[in-house]
Amino acid sequence: MRKMGLLSAGAALSSPAVAATVTSSASPSLASPVALASTHKSLAIDSDMTLAFNNLHTGESLKTTFFAEGQFIDEGIQAISYLLRDHRNNQVGLMNPELMVMLHDLQQTLGATKPFEVISGYRSAETNALLSQRSNKVAKKSLHMQGKAIDIRIPGIQLTNVHTAARQMNQGGVGLYTRSNFVHLDTGRPRFWGS
Protein backbone atom coordinates (compact mmCIF):
# COMPACT_ATOMS: atom_id res chain seq x y z
CA MET A 1 0.00 0.00 0.00
CA ARG A 2 1.27 3.44 -0.88
CA LYS A 3 0.91 6.67 1.00
CA MET A 4 -1.63 8.72 -0.86
CA GLY A 5 -0.47 11.51 -3.17
CA LEU A 6 -3.43 13.88 -3.18
CA LEU A 7 -4.70 15.07 -6.54
CA SER A 8 -6.09 18.58 -6.46
CA ALA A 9 -9.87 18.68 -6.12
CA GLY A 10 -11.66 19.30 -9.37
CA ALA A 11 -8.96 17.89 -11.64
CA ALA A 12 -10.51 16.06 -14.56
CA LEU A 13 -9.51 12.46 -15.20
CA SER A 14 -10.33 11.07 -18.58
CA SER A 15 -11.01 7.40 -17.93
CA PRO A 16 -11.24 4.68 -15.29
CA ALA A 17 -7.75 3.50 -16.22
CA VAL A 18 -6.34 6.97 -15.63
CA ALA A 19 -8.39 7.38 -12.45
CA ALA A 20 -6.80 4.26 -11.00
CA THR A 21 -3.23 5.39 -11.67
CA VAL A 22 -3.12 9.19 -11.38
CA THR A 23 -0.93 10.73 -8.73
CA SER A 24 -0.19 14.41 -8.41
CA SER A 25 1.14 16.98 -6.01
CA ALA A 26 -0.61 17.50 -2.70
CA SER A 27 -3.41 20.02 -2.59
CA PRO A 28 -3.10 22.58 0.20
CA SER A 29 -6.89 22.54 0.66
CA LEU A 30 -6.93 18.88 1.70
CA ALA A 31 -5.60 17.59 5.00
CA SER A 32 -2.57 15.36 4.67
CA PRO A 33 -3.14 11.74 5.69
CA VAL A 34 -0.78 12.16 8.65
CA ALA A 35 -2.44 15.38 9.82
CA LEU A 36 -5.90 13.90 9.43
CA ALA A 37 -4.94 10.73 11.27
CA SER A 38 -3.48 12.71 14.16
CA THR A 39 -6.41 15.11 14.52
CA HIS A 40 -9.43 12.90 13.86
CA LYS A 41 -10.76 11.74 17.23
CA SER A 42 -12.28 8.43 16.15
CA LEU A 43 -9.51 7.45 13.73
CA ALA A 44 -7.69 4.45 15.18
CA ILE A 45 -4.32 4.27 13.47
CA ASP A 46 -4.33 0.47 13.28
CA SER A 47 -7.91 0.08 12.01
CA ASP A 48 -8.89 -0.48 8.38
CA MET A 49 -11.69 1.60 6.89
CA THR A 50 -13.83 0.26 4.07
CA LEU A 51 -16.80 1.85 2.32
CA ALA A 52 -19.33 0.53 -0.18
CA PHE A 53 -21.35 2.65 -2.60
CA ASN A 54 -24.07 2.28 -5.23
CA ASN A 55 -24.15 5.20 -7.66
CA LEU A 56 -27.84 5.65 -8.49
CA HIS A 57 -27.11 7.57 -11.71
CA THR A 58 -24.52 5.28 -13.30
CA GLY A 59 -25.60 1.94 -11.81
CA GLU A 60 -22.00 1.32 -10.68
CA SER A 61 -21.11 -0.23 -7.33
CA LEU A 62 -17.88 -0.22 -5.36
CA LYS A 63 -16.58 -1.67 -2.12
CA THR A 64 -13.05 -0.59 -1.24
CA THR A 65 -10.71 -0.10 1.67
CA PHE A 66 -9.46 3.50 1.68
CA PHE A 67 -7.45 3.49 4.91
CA ALA A 68 -5.21 0.77 6.36
CA GLU A 69 -2.02 0.44 8.37
CA GLY A 70 -2.17 4.06 9.47
CA GLN A 71 -2.45 5.65 6.03
CA PHE A 72 -4.86 6.43 3.25
CA ILE A 73 -4.74 4.09 0.27
CA ASP A 74 -4.28 5.92 -3.01
CA GLU A 75 -6.09 3.27 -5.07
CA GLY A 76 -9.07 3.27 -2.71
CA ILE A 77 -9.50 7.05 -2.73
CA GLN A 78 -9.05 7.15 -6.53
CA ALA A 79 -11.64 4.39 -7.03
CA ILE A 80 -14.11 6.22 -4.78
CA SER A 81 -13.42 9.48 -6.62
CA TYR A 82 -14.11 7.83 -9.96
CA LEU A 83 -17.38 6.27 -8.76
CA LEU A 84 -18.50 9.62 -7.33
CA ARG A 85 -17.63 11.57 -10.50
CA ASP A 86 -20.01 14.09 -12.05
CA HIS A 87 -22.32 11.74 -13.95
CA ARG A 88 -23.48 14.52 -16.28
CA ASN A 89 -20.08 15.05 -17.95
CA ASN A 90 -17.86 12.29 -16.47
CA GLN A 91 -15.48 14.77 -14.83
CA VAL A 92 -13.69 13.25 -11.86
CA GLY A 93 -12.57 15.29 -8.88
CA LEU A 94 -10.69 13.94 -5.91
CA MET A 95 -13.05 13.27 -3.03
CA ASN A 96 -11.69 14.58 0.25
CA PRO A 97 -10.40 11.75 2.50
CA GLU A 98 -11.90 13.52 5.51
CA LEU A 99 -15.35 13.05 3.94
CA MET A 100 -14.63 9.32 3.57
CA VAL A 101 -13.74 9.15 7.27
CA MET A 102 -16.99 10.97 8.07
CA LEU A 103 -18.96 8.41 6.03
CA HIS A 104 -17.13 5.57 7.76
CA ASP A 105 -17.94 7.06 11.17
CA LEU A 106 -21.59 7.41 10.18
CA GLN A 107 -21.68 3.80 8.97
CA GLN A 108 -20.22 2.63 12.30
CA THR A 109 -22.55 4.84 14.36
CA LEU A 110 -25.62 3.44 12.61
CA GLY A 111 -24.37 -0.14 12.39
CA ALA A 112 -25.06 0.08 8.65
CA THR A 113 -24.11 -2.92 6.55
CA LYS A 114 -25.62 -1.93 3.19
CA PRO A 115 -23.82 0.32 0.69
CA PHE A 116 -24.42 4.05 0.65
CA GLU A 117 -26.75 5.01 -2.20
CA VAL A 118 -25.19 8.06 -3.86
CA ILE A 119 -27.33 10.82 -5.30
CA SER A 120 -24.48 13.30 -5.79
CA GLY A 121 -20.74 13.28 -5.11
CA TYR A 122 -18.28 15.43 -7.03
CA ARG A 123 -19.91 18.15 -9.10
CA SER A 124 -18.15 20.12 -11.83
CA ALA A 125 -18.48 23.91 -11.95
CA GLU A 126 -20.56 23.60 -15.14
CA THR A 127 -23.00 21.16 -13.56
CA ASN A 128 -23.23 23.19 -10.37
CA ALA A 129 -24.03 26.36 -12.37
CA LEU A 130 -26.75 24.49 -14.26
CA LEU A 131 -28.29 23.10 -11.06
CA SER A 132 -28.14 26.43 -9.23
CA GLN A 133 -30.07 28.05 -12.12
CA ARG A 134 -32.79 25.42 -11.67
CA SER A 135 -33.00 25.57 -7.87
CA ASN A 136 -32.21 28.11 -5.20
CA LYS A 137 -31.31 25.21 -2.87
CA VAL A 138 -28.05 24.61 -4.80
CA ALA A 139 -25.20 26.73 -3.43
CA LYS A 140 -23.27 28.65 -6.09
CA LYS A 141 -20.01 27.72 -4.34
CA SER A 142 -21.05 24.21 -3.34
CA LEU A 143 -18.57 22.00 -1.50
CA HIS A 144 -19.52 19.31 -4.04
CA MET A 145 -17.22 21.17 -6.48
CA GLN A 146 -14.29 20.65 -4.10
CA GLY A 147 -14.99 16.96 -3.46
CA LYS A 148 -15.98 17.83 0.11
CA ALA A 149 -19.70 16.97 -0.04
CA ILE A 150 -21.94 14.02 -0.83
CA ASP A 151 -25.70 13.36 -0.93
CA ILE A 152 -26.61 9.86 0.26
CA ARG A 153 -29.15 7.54 1.78
CA ILE A 154 -28.77 4.09 3.30
CA PRO A 155 -31.20 1.30 2.42
CA GLY A 156 -33.10 0.03 5.45
CA ILE A 157 -32.33 3.06 7.62
CA GLN A 158 -34.82 5.89 7.94
CA LEU A 159 -33.57 9.16 6.49
CA THR A 160 -34.29 10.99 9.75
CA ASN A 161 -32.11 8.49 11.63
CA VAL A 162 -29.23 9.05 9.18
CA HIS A 163 -29.66 12.82 9.61
CA THR A 164 -29.80 12.61 13.41
CA ALA A 165 -26.73 10.36 13.66
CA ALA A 166 -24.73 12.62 11.32
CA ARG A 167 -25.73 15.70 13.31
CA GLN A 168 -24.66 14.08 16.58
CA MET A 169 -21.23 13.33 15.09
CA ASN A 170 -20.78 17.13 14.67
CA GLN A 171 -18.09 16.67 12.00
CA GLY A 172 -19.42 19.00 9.29
CA GLY A 173 -22.51 20.19 7.46
CA VAL A 174 -25.58 17.94 7.54
CA GLY A 175 -28.78 18.64 5.63
CA LEU A 176 -32.01 16.66 5.42
CA TYR A 177 -33.92 16.71 2.12
CA THR A 178 -37.03 14.61 2.74
CA ARG A 179 -38.75 15.44 -0.56
CA SER A 180 -35.71 14.35 -2.56
CA ASN A 181 -35.00 11.46 -0.14
CA PHE A 182 -31.36 12.12 0.78
CA VAL A 183 -29.04 13.48 3.44
CA HIS A 184 -26.30 15.93 2.49
CA LEU A 185 -22.94 15.62 4.28
CA ASP A 186 -19.93 17.89 3.91
CA THR A 187 -16.64 18.66 5.62
CA GLY A 188 -17.36 22.35 6.10
CA ARG A 189 -18.02 23.90 9.48
CA PRO A 190 -20.61 22.05 11.58
CA ARG A 191 -24.10 23.29 10.68
CA PHE A 192 -27.45 21.59 10.28
CA TRP A 193 -30.63 22.12 8.30
CA GLY A 194 -33.80 20.29 7.35
CA SER A 195 -36.31 18.43 9.49
C-alpha atoms as a PDB file:
ATOM      1  CA  MET A   1       0.000   0.000   0.000  1.00  0.00           C
ATOM      2  CA  ARG A   2       1.275   3.445  -0.882  1.00  0.00           C
ATOM      3  CA  LYS A   3       0.911   6.670   0.998  1.00  0.00           C
ATOM      4  CA  MET A   4      -1.634   8.720  -0.859  1.00  0.00           C
ATOM      5  CA  GLY A   5      -0.468  11.510  -3.171  1.00  0.00           C
ATOM      6  CA  LEU A   6      -3.429  13.882  -3.180  1.00  0.00           C
ATOM      7  CA  LEU A   7      -4.703  15.066  -6.542  1.00  0.00           C
ATOM      8  CA  SER A   8      -6.086  18.576  -6.456  1.00  0.00           C
ATOM      9  CA  ALA A   9      -9.867  18.677  -6.122  1.00  0.00           C
ATOM     10  CA  GLY A  10     -11.664  19.302  -9.372  1.00  0.00           C
ATOM     11  CA  ALA A  11      -8.965  17.892 -11.638  1.00  0.00           C
ATOM     12  CA  ALA A  12     -10.509  16.061 -14.563  1.00  0.00           C
ATOM     13  CA  LEU A  13      -9.511  12.460 -15.202  1.00  0.00           C
ATOM     14  CA  SER A  14     -10.326  11.072 -18.579  1.00  0.00           C
ATOM     15  CA  SER A  15     -11.013   7.401 -17.932  1.00  0.00           C
ATOM     16  CA  PRO A  16     -11.245   4.682 -15.288  1.00  0.00           C
ATOM     17  CA  ALA A  17      -7.748   3.500 -16.218  1.00  0.00           C
ATOM     18  CA  VAL A  18      -6.340   6.969 -15.631  1.00  0.00           C
ATOM     19  CA  ALA A  19      -8.392   7.378 -12.454  1.00  0.00           C
ATOM     20  CA  ALA A  20      -6.801   4.263 -11.000  1.00  0.00           C
ATOM     21  CA  THR A  21      -3.233   5.390 -11.666  1.00  0.00           C
ATOM     22  CA  VAL A  22      -3.124   9.186 -11.380  1.00  0.00           C
ATOM     23  CA  THR A  23      -0.928  10.733  -8.733  1.00  0.00           C
ATOM     24  CA  SER A  24      -0.192  14.409  -8.414  1.00  0.00           C
ATOM     25  CA  SER A  25       1.136  16.984  -6.009  1.00  0.00           C
ATOM     26  CA  ALA A  26      -0.605  17.503  -2.704  1.00  0.00           C
ATOM     27  CA  SER A  27      -3.408  20.020  -2.586  1.00  0.00           C
ATOM     28  CA  PRO A  28      -3.103  22.585   0.196  1.00  0.00           C
ATOM     29  CA  SER A  29      -6.889  22.540   0.660  1.00  0.00           C
ATOM     30  CA  LEU A  30      -6.935  18.879   1.704  1.00  0.00           C
ATOM     31  CA  ALA A  31      -5.601  17.594   4.997  1.00  0.00           C
ATOM     32  CA  SER A  32      -2.570  15.364   4.668  1.00  0.00           C
ATOM     33  CA  PRO A  33      -3.140  11.740   5.686  1.00  0.00           C
ATOM     34  CA  VAL A  34      -0.780  12.156   8.647  1.00  0.00           C
ATOM     35  CA  ALA A  35      -2.440  15.377   9.824  1.00  0.00           C
ATOM     36  CA  LEU A  36      -5.899  13.905   9.426  1.00  0.00           C
ATOM     37  CA  ALA A  37      -4.935  10.729  11.274  1.00  0.00           C
ATOM     38  CA  SER A  38      -3.475  12.708  14.157  1.00  0.00           C
ATOM     39  CA  THR A  39      -6.409  15.108  14.519  1.00  0.00           C
ATOM     40  CA  HIS A  40      -9.433  12.901  13.864  1.00  0.00           C
ATOM     41  CA  LYS A  41     -10.759  11.743  17.234  1.00  0.00           C
ATOM     42  CA  SER A  42     -12.277   8.428  16.150  1.00  0.00           C
ATOM     43  CA  LEU A  43      -9.509   7.447  13.735  1.00  0.00           C
ATOM     44  CA  ALA A  44      -7.691   4.451  15.179  1.00  0.00           C
ATOM     45  CA  ILE A  45      -4.320   4.266  13.468  1.00  0.00           C
ATOM     46  CA  ASP A  46      -4.335   0.472  13.278  1.00  0.00           C
ATOM     47  CA  SER A  47      -7.907   0.083  12.006  1.00  0.00           C
ATOM     48  CA  ASP A  48      -8.888  -0.478   8.384  1.00  0.00           C
ATOM     49  CA  MET A  49     -11.691   1.596   6.888  1.00  0.00           C
ATOM     50  CA  THR A  50     -13.833   0.257   4.073  1.00  0.00           C
ATOM     51  CA  LEU A  51     -16.795   1.846   2.318  1.00  0.00           C
ATOM     52  CA  ALA A  52     -19.334   0.534  -0.179  1.00  0.00           C
ATOM     53  CA  PHE A  53     -21.354   2.649  -2.599  1.00  0.00           C
ATOM     54  CA  ASN A  54     -24.070   2.275  -5.227  1.00  0.00           C
ATOM     55  CA  ASN A  55     -24.149   5.201  -7.661  1.00  0.00           C
ATOM     56  CA  LEU A  56     -27.839   5.647  -8.492  1.00  0.00           C
ATOM     57  CA  HIS A  57     -27.108   7.569 -11.707  1.00  0.00           C
ATOM     58  CA  THR A  58     -24.524   5.283 -13.304  1.00  0.00           C
ATOM     59  CA  GLY A  59     -25.596   1.940 -11.809  1.00  0.00           C
ATOM     60  CA  GLU A  60     -22.001   1.321 -10.683  1.00  0.00           C
ATOM     61  CA  SER A  61     -21.106  -0.235  -7.330  1.00  0.00           C
ATOM     62  CA  LEU A  62     -17.883  -0.216  -5.359  1.00  0.00           C
ATOM     63  CA  LYS A  63     -16.582  -1.668  -2.122  1.00  0.00           C
ATOM     64  CA  THR A  64     -13.051  -0.589  -1.244  1.00  0.00           C
ATOM     65  CA  THR A  65     -10.710  -0.098   1.668  1.00  0.00           C
ATOM     66  CA  PHE A  66      -9.462   3.497   1.676  1.00  0.00           C
ATOM     67  CA  PHE A  67      -7.446   3.492   4.907  1.00  0.00           C
ATOM     68  CA  ALA A  68      -5.207   0.773   6.360  1.00  0.00           C
ATOM     69  CA  GLU A  69      -2.023   0.442   8.365  1.00  0.00           C
ATOM     70  CA  GLY A  70      -2.165   4.059   9.468  1.00  0.00           C
ATOM     71  CA  GLN A  71      -2.450   5.653   6.035  1.00  0.00           C
ATOM     72  CA  PHE A  72      -4.865   6.428   3.248  1.00  0.00           C
ATOM     73  CA  ILE A  73      -4.738   4.086   0.271  1.00  0.00           C
ATOM     74  CA  ASP A  74      -4.284   5.920  -3.014  1.00  0.00           C
ATOM     75  CA  GLU A  75      -6.086   3.269  -5.067  1.00  0.00           C
ATOM     76  CA  GLY A  76      -9.074   3.266  -2.710  1.00  0.00           C
ATOM     77  CA  ILE A  77      -9.497   7.049  -2.734  1.00  0.00           C
ATOM     78  CA  GLN A  78      -9.048   7.151  -6.535  1.00  0.00           C
ATOM     79  CA  ALA A  79     -11.645   4.388  -7.026  1.00  0.00           C
ATOM     80  CA  ILE A  80     -14.110   6.224  -4.780  1.00  0.00           C
ATOM     81  CA  SER A  81     -13.416   9.480  -6.621  1.00  0.00           C
ATOM     82  CA  TYR A  82     -14.113   7.826  -9.960  1.00  0.00           C
ATOM     83  CA  LEU A  83     -17.378   6.267  -8.759  1.00  0.00           C
ATOM     84  CA  LEU A  84     -18.496   9.622  -7.328  1.00  0.00           C
ATOM     85  CA  ARG A  85     -17.634  11.566 -10.505  1.00  0.00           C
ATOM     86  CA  ASP A  86     -20.006  14.091 -12.052  1.00  0.00           C
ATOM     87  CA  HIS A  87     -22.315  11.744 -13.947  1.00  0.00           C
ATOM     88  CA  ARG A  88     -23.485  14.517 -16.281  1.00  0.00           C
ATOM     89  CA  ASN A  89     -20.084  15.049 -17.946  1.00  0.00           C
ATOM     90  CA  ASN A  90     -17.862  12.288 -16.474  1.00  0.00           C
ATOM     91  CA  GLN A  91     -15.478  14.765 -14.834  1.00  0.00           C
ATOM     92  CA  VAL A  92     -13.687  13.249 -11.864  1.00  0.00           C
ATOM     93  CA  GLY A  93     -12.572  15.287  -8.882  1.00  0.00           C
ATOM     94  CA  LEU A  94     -10.692  13.939  -5.910  1.00  0.00           C
ATOM     95  CA  MET A  95     -13.049  13.272  -3.026  1.00  0.00           C
ATOM     96  CA  ASN A  96     -11.692  14.575   0.252  1.00  0.00           C
ATOM     97  CA  PRO A  97     -10.404  11.748   2.498  1.00  0.00           C
ATOM     98  CA  GLU A  98     -11.902  13.521   5.514  1.00  0.00           C
ATOM     99  CA  LEU A  99     -15.351  13.046   3.939  1.00  0.00           C
ATOM    100  CA  MET A 100     -14.629   9.320   3.571  1.00  0.00           C
ATOM    101  CA  VAL A 101     -13.744   9.150   7.271  1.00  0.00           C
ATOM    102  CA  MET A 102     -16.988  10.973   8.068  1.00  0.00           C
ATOM    103  CA  LEU A 103     -18.959   8.414   6.035  1.00  0.00           C
ATOM    104  CA  HIS A 104     -17.130   5.570   7.762  1.00  0.00           C
ATOM    105  CA  ASP A 105     -17.938   7.056  11.174  1.00  0.00           C
ATOM    106  CA  LEU A 106     -21.593   7.407  10.176  1.00  0.00           C
ATOM    107  CA  GLN A 107     -21.684   3.802   8.967  1.00  0.00           C
ATOM    108  CA  GLN A 108     -20.217   2.630  12.296  1.00  0.00           C
ATOM    109  CA  THR A 109     -22.549   4.835  14.364  1.00  0.00           C
ATOM    110  CA  LEU A 110     -25.617   3.444  12.607  1.00  0.00           C
ATOM    111  CA  GLY A 111     -24.372  -0.143  12.395  1.00  0.00           C
ATOM    112  CA  ALA A 112     -25.058   0.084   8.653  1.00  0.00           C
ATOM    113  CA  THR A 113     -24.115  -2.925   6.547  1.00  0.00           C
ATOM    114  CA  LYS A 114     -25.617  -1.934   3.188  1.00  0.00           C
ATOM    115  CA  PRO A 115     -23.821   0.322   0.690  1.00  0.00           C
ATOM    116  CA  PHE A 116     -24.425   4.055   0.648  1.00  0.00           C
ATOM    117  CA  GLU A 117     -26.753   5.012  -2.202  1.00  0.00           C
ATOM    118  CA  VAL A 118     -25.195   8.060  -3.864  1.00  0.00           C
ATOM    119  CA  ILE A 119     -27.335  10.819  -5.299  1.00  0.00           C
ATOM    120  CA  SER A 120     -24.477  13.300  -5.793  1.00  0.00           C
ATOM    121  CA  GLY A 121     -20.741  13.275  -5.109  1.00  0.00           C
ATOM    122  CA  TYR A 122     -18.280  15.427  -7.030  1.00  0.00           C
ATOM    123  CA  ARG A 123     -19.915  18.148  -9.097  1.00  0.00           C
ATOM    124  CA  SER A 124     -18.151  20.124 -11.828  1.00  0.00           C
ATOM    125  CA  ALA A 125     -18.485  23.914 -11.945  1.00  0.00           C
ATOM    126  CA  GLU A 126     -20.563  23.601 -15.137  1.00  0.00           C
ATOM    127  CA  THR A 127     -23.002  21.161 -13.562  1.00  0.00           C
ATOM    128  CA  ASN A 128     -23.229  23.195 -10.373  1.00  0.00           C
ATOM    129  CA  ALA A 129     -24.031  26.361 -12.374  1.00  0.00           C
ATOM    130  CA  LEU A 130     -26.753  24.488 -14.264  1.00  0.00           C
ATOM    131  CA  LEU A 131     -28.288  23.097 -11.063  1.00  0.00           C
ATOM    132  CA  SER A 132     -28.138  26.434  -9.232  1.00  0.00           C
ATOM    133  CA  GLN A 133     -30.065  28.047 -12.119  1.00  0.00           C
ATOM    134  CA  ARG A 134     -32.786  25.422 -11.666  1.00  0.00           C
ATOM    135  CA  SER A 135     -33.003  25.567  -7.869  1.00  0.00           C
ATOM    136  CA  ASN A 136     -32.214  28.114  -5.198  1.00  0.00           C
ATOM    137  CA  LYS A 137     -31.313  25.213  -2.872  1.00  0.00           C
ATOM    138  CA  VAL A 138     -28.051  24.615  -4.798  1.00  0.00           C
ATOM    139  CA  ALA A 139     -25.196  26.726  -3.428  1.00  0.00           C
ATOM    140  CA  LYS A 140     -23.272  28.649  -6.090  1.00  0.00           C
ATOM    141  CA  LYS A 141     -20.008  27.715  -4.341  1.00  0.00           C
ATOM    142  CA  SER A 142     -21.054  24.209  -3.341  1.00  0.00           C
ATOM    143  CA  LEU A 143     -18.568  22.005  -1.503  1.00  0.00           C
ATOM    144  CA  HIS A 144     -19.515  19.308  -4.038  1.00  0.00           C
ATOM    145  CA  MET A 145     -17.223  21.172  -6.475  1.00  0.00           C
ATOM    146  CA  GLN A 146     -14.286  20.645  -4.105  1.00  0.00           C
ATOM    147  CA  GLY A 147     -14.994  16.963  -3.460  1.00  0.00           C
ATOM    148  CA  LYS A 148     -15.976  17.833   0.107  1.00  0.00           C
ATOM    149  CA  ALA A 149     -19.698  16.967  -0.044  1.00  0.00           C
ATOM    150  CA  ILE A 150     -21.938  14.022  -0.826  1.00  0.00           C
ATOM    151  CA  ASP A 151     -25.696  13.359  -0.927  1.00  0.00           C
ATOM    152  CA  ILE A 152     -26.606   9.856   0.260  1.00  0.00           C
ATOM    153  CA  ARG A 153     -29.154   7.536   1.776  1.00  0.00           C
ATOM    154  CA  ILE A 154     -28.765   4.095   3.304  1.00  0.00           C
ATOM    155  CA  PRO A 155     -31.201   1.301   2.418  1.00  0.00           C
ATOM    156  CA  GLY A 156     -33.099   0.026   5.446  1.00  0.00           C
ATOM    157  CA  ILE A 157     -32.326   3.060   7.623  1.00  0.00           C
ATOM    158  CA  GLN A 158     -34.818   5.893   7.937  1.00  0.00           C
ATOM    159  CA  LEU A 159     -33.567   9.157   6.490  1.00  0.00           C
ATOM    160  CA  THR A 160     -34.286  10.985   9.752  1.00  0.00           C
ATOM    161  CA  ASN A 161     -32.106   8.487  11.634  1.00  0.00           C
ATOM    162  CA  VAL A 162     -29.232   9.053   9.185  1.00  0.00           C
ATOM    163  CA  HIS A 163     -29.655  12.817   9.611  1.00  0.00           C
ATOM    164  CA  THR A 164     -29.802  12.614  13.415  1.00  0.00           C
ATOM    165  CA  ALA A 165     -26.735  10.361  13.658  1.00  0.00           C
ATOM    166  CA  ALA A 166     -24.725  12.618  11.322  1.00  0.00           C
ATOM    167  CA  ARG A 167     -25.730  15.705  13.311  1.00  0.00           C
ATOM    168  CA  GLN A 168     -24.661  14.082  16.576  1.00  0.00           C
ATOM    169  CA  MET A 169     -21.232  13.328  15.094  1.00  0.00           C
ATOM    170  CA  ASN A 170     -20.778  17.129  14.668  1.00  0.00           C
ATOM    171  CA  GLN A 171     -18.091  16.675  11.995  1.00  0.00           C
ATOM    172  CA  GLY A 172     -19.423  18.998   9.287  1.00  0.00           C
ATOM    173  CA  GLY A 173     -22.511  20.187   7.461  1.00  0.00           C
ATOM    174  CA  VAL A 174     -25.585  17.941   7.541  1.00  0.00           C
ATOM    175  CA  GLY A 175     -28.783  18.637   5.625  1.00  0.00           C
ATOM    176  CA  LEU A 176     -32.009  16.663   5.416  1.00  0.00           C
ATOM    177  CA  TYR A 177     -33.922  16.707   2.118  1.00  0.00           C
ATOM    178  CA  THR A 178     -37.033  14.606   2.740  1.00  0.00           C
ATOM    179  CA  ARG A 179     -38.752  15.440  -0.565  1.00  0.00           C
ATOM    180  CA  SER A 180     -35.705  14.348  -2.555  1.00  0.00           C
ATOM    181  CA  ASN A 181     -34.999  11.462  -0.137  1.00  0.00           C
ATOM    182  CA  PHE A 182     -31.357  12.117   0.783  1.00  0.00           C
ATOM    183  CA  VAL A 183     -29.039  13.485   3.440  1.00  0.00           C
ATOM    184  CA  HIS A 184     -26.297  15.930   2.487  1.00  0.00           C
ATOM    185  CA  LEU A 185     -22.936  15.623   4.277  1.00  0.00           C
ATOM    186  CA  ASP A 186     -19.929  17.892   3.905  1.00  0.00           C
ATOM    187  CA  THR A 187     -16.642  18.657   5.618  1.00  0.00           C
ATOM    188  CA  GLY A 188     -17.363  22.349   6.103  1.00  0.00           C
ATOM    189  CA  ARG A 189     -18.018  23.900   9.475  1.00  0.00           C
ATOM    190  CA  PRO A 190     -20.613  22.053  11.579  1.00  0.00           C
ATOM    191  CA  ARG A 191     -24.101  23.295  10.685  1.00  0.00           C
ATOM    192  CA  PHE A 192     -27.449  21.587  10.284  1.00  0.00           C
ATOM    193  CA  TRP A 193     -30.628  22.116   8.298  1.00  0.00           C
ATOM    194  CA  GLY A 194     -33.796  20.290   7.353  1.00  0.00           C
ATOM    195  CA  SER A 195     -36.307  18.429   9.486  1.00  0.00           C
END
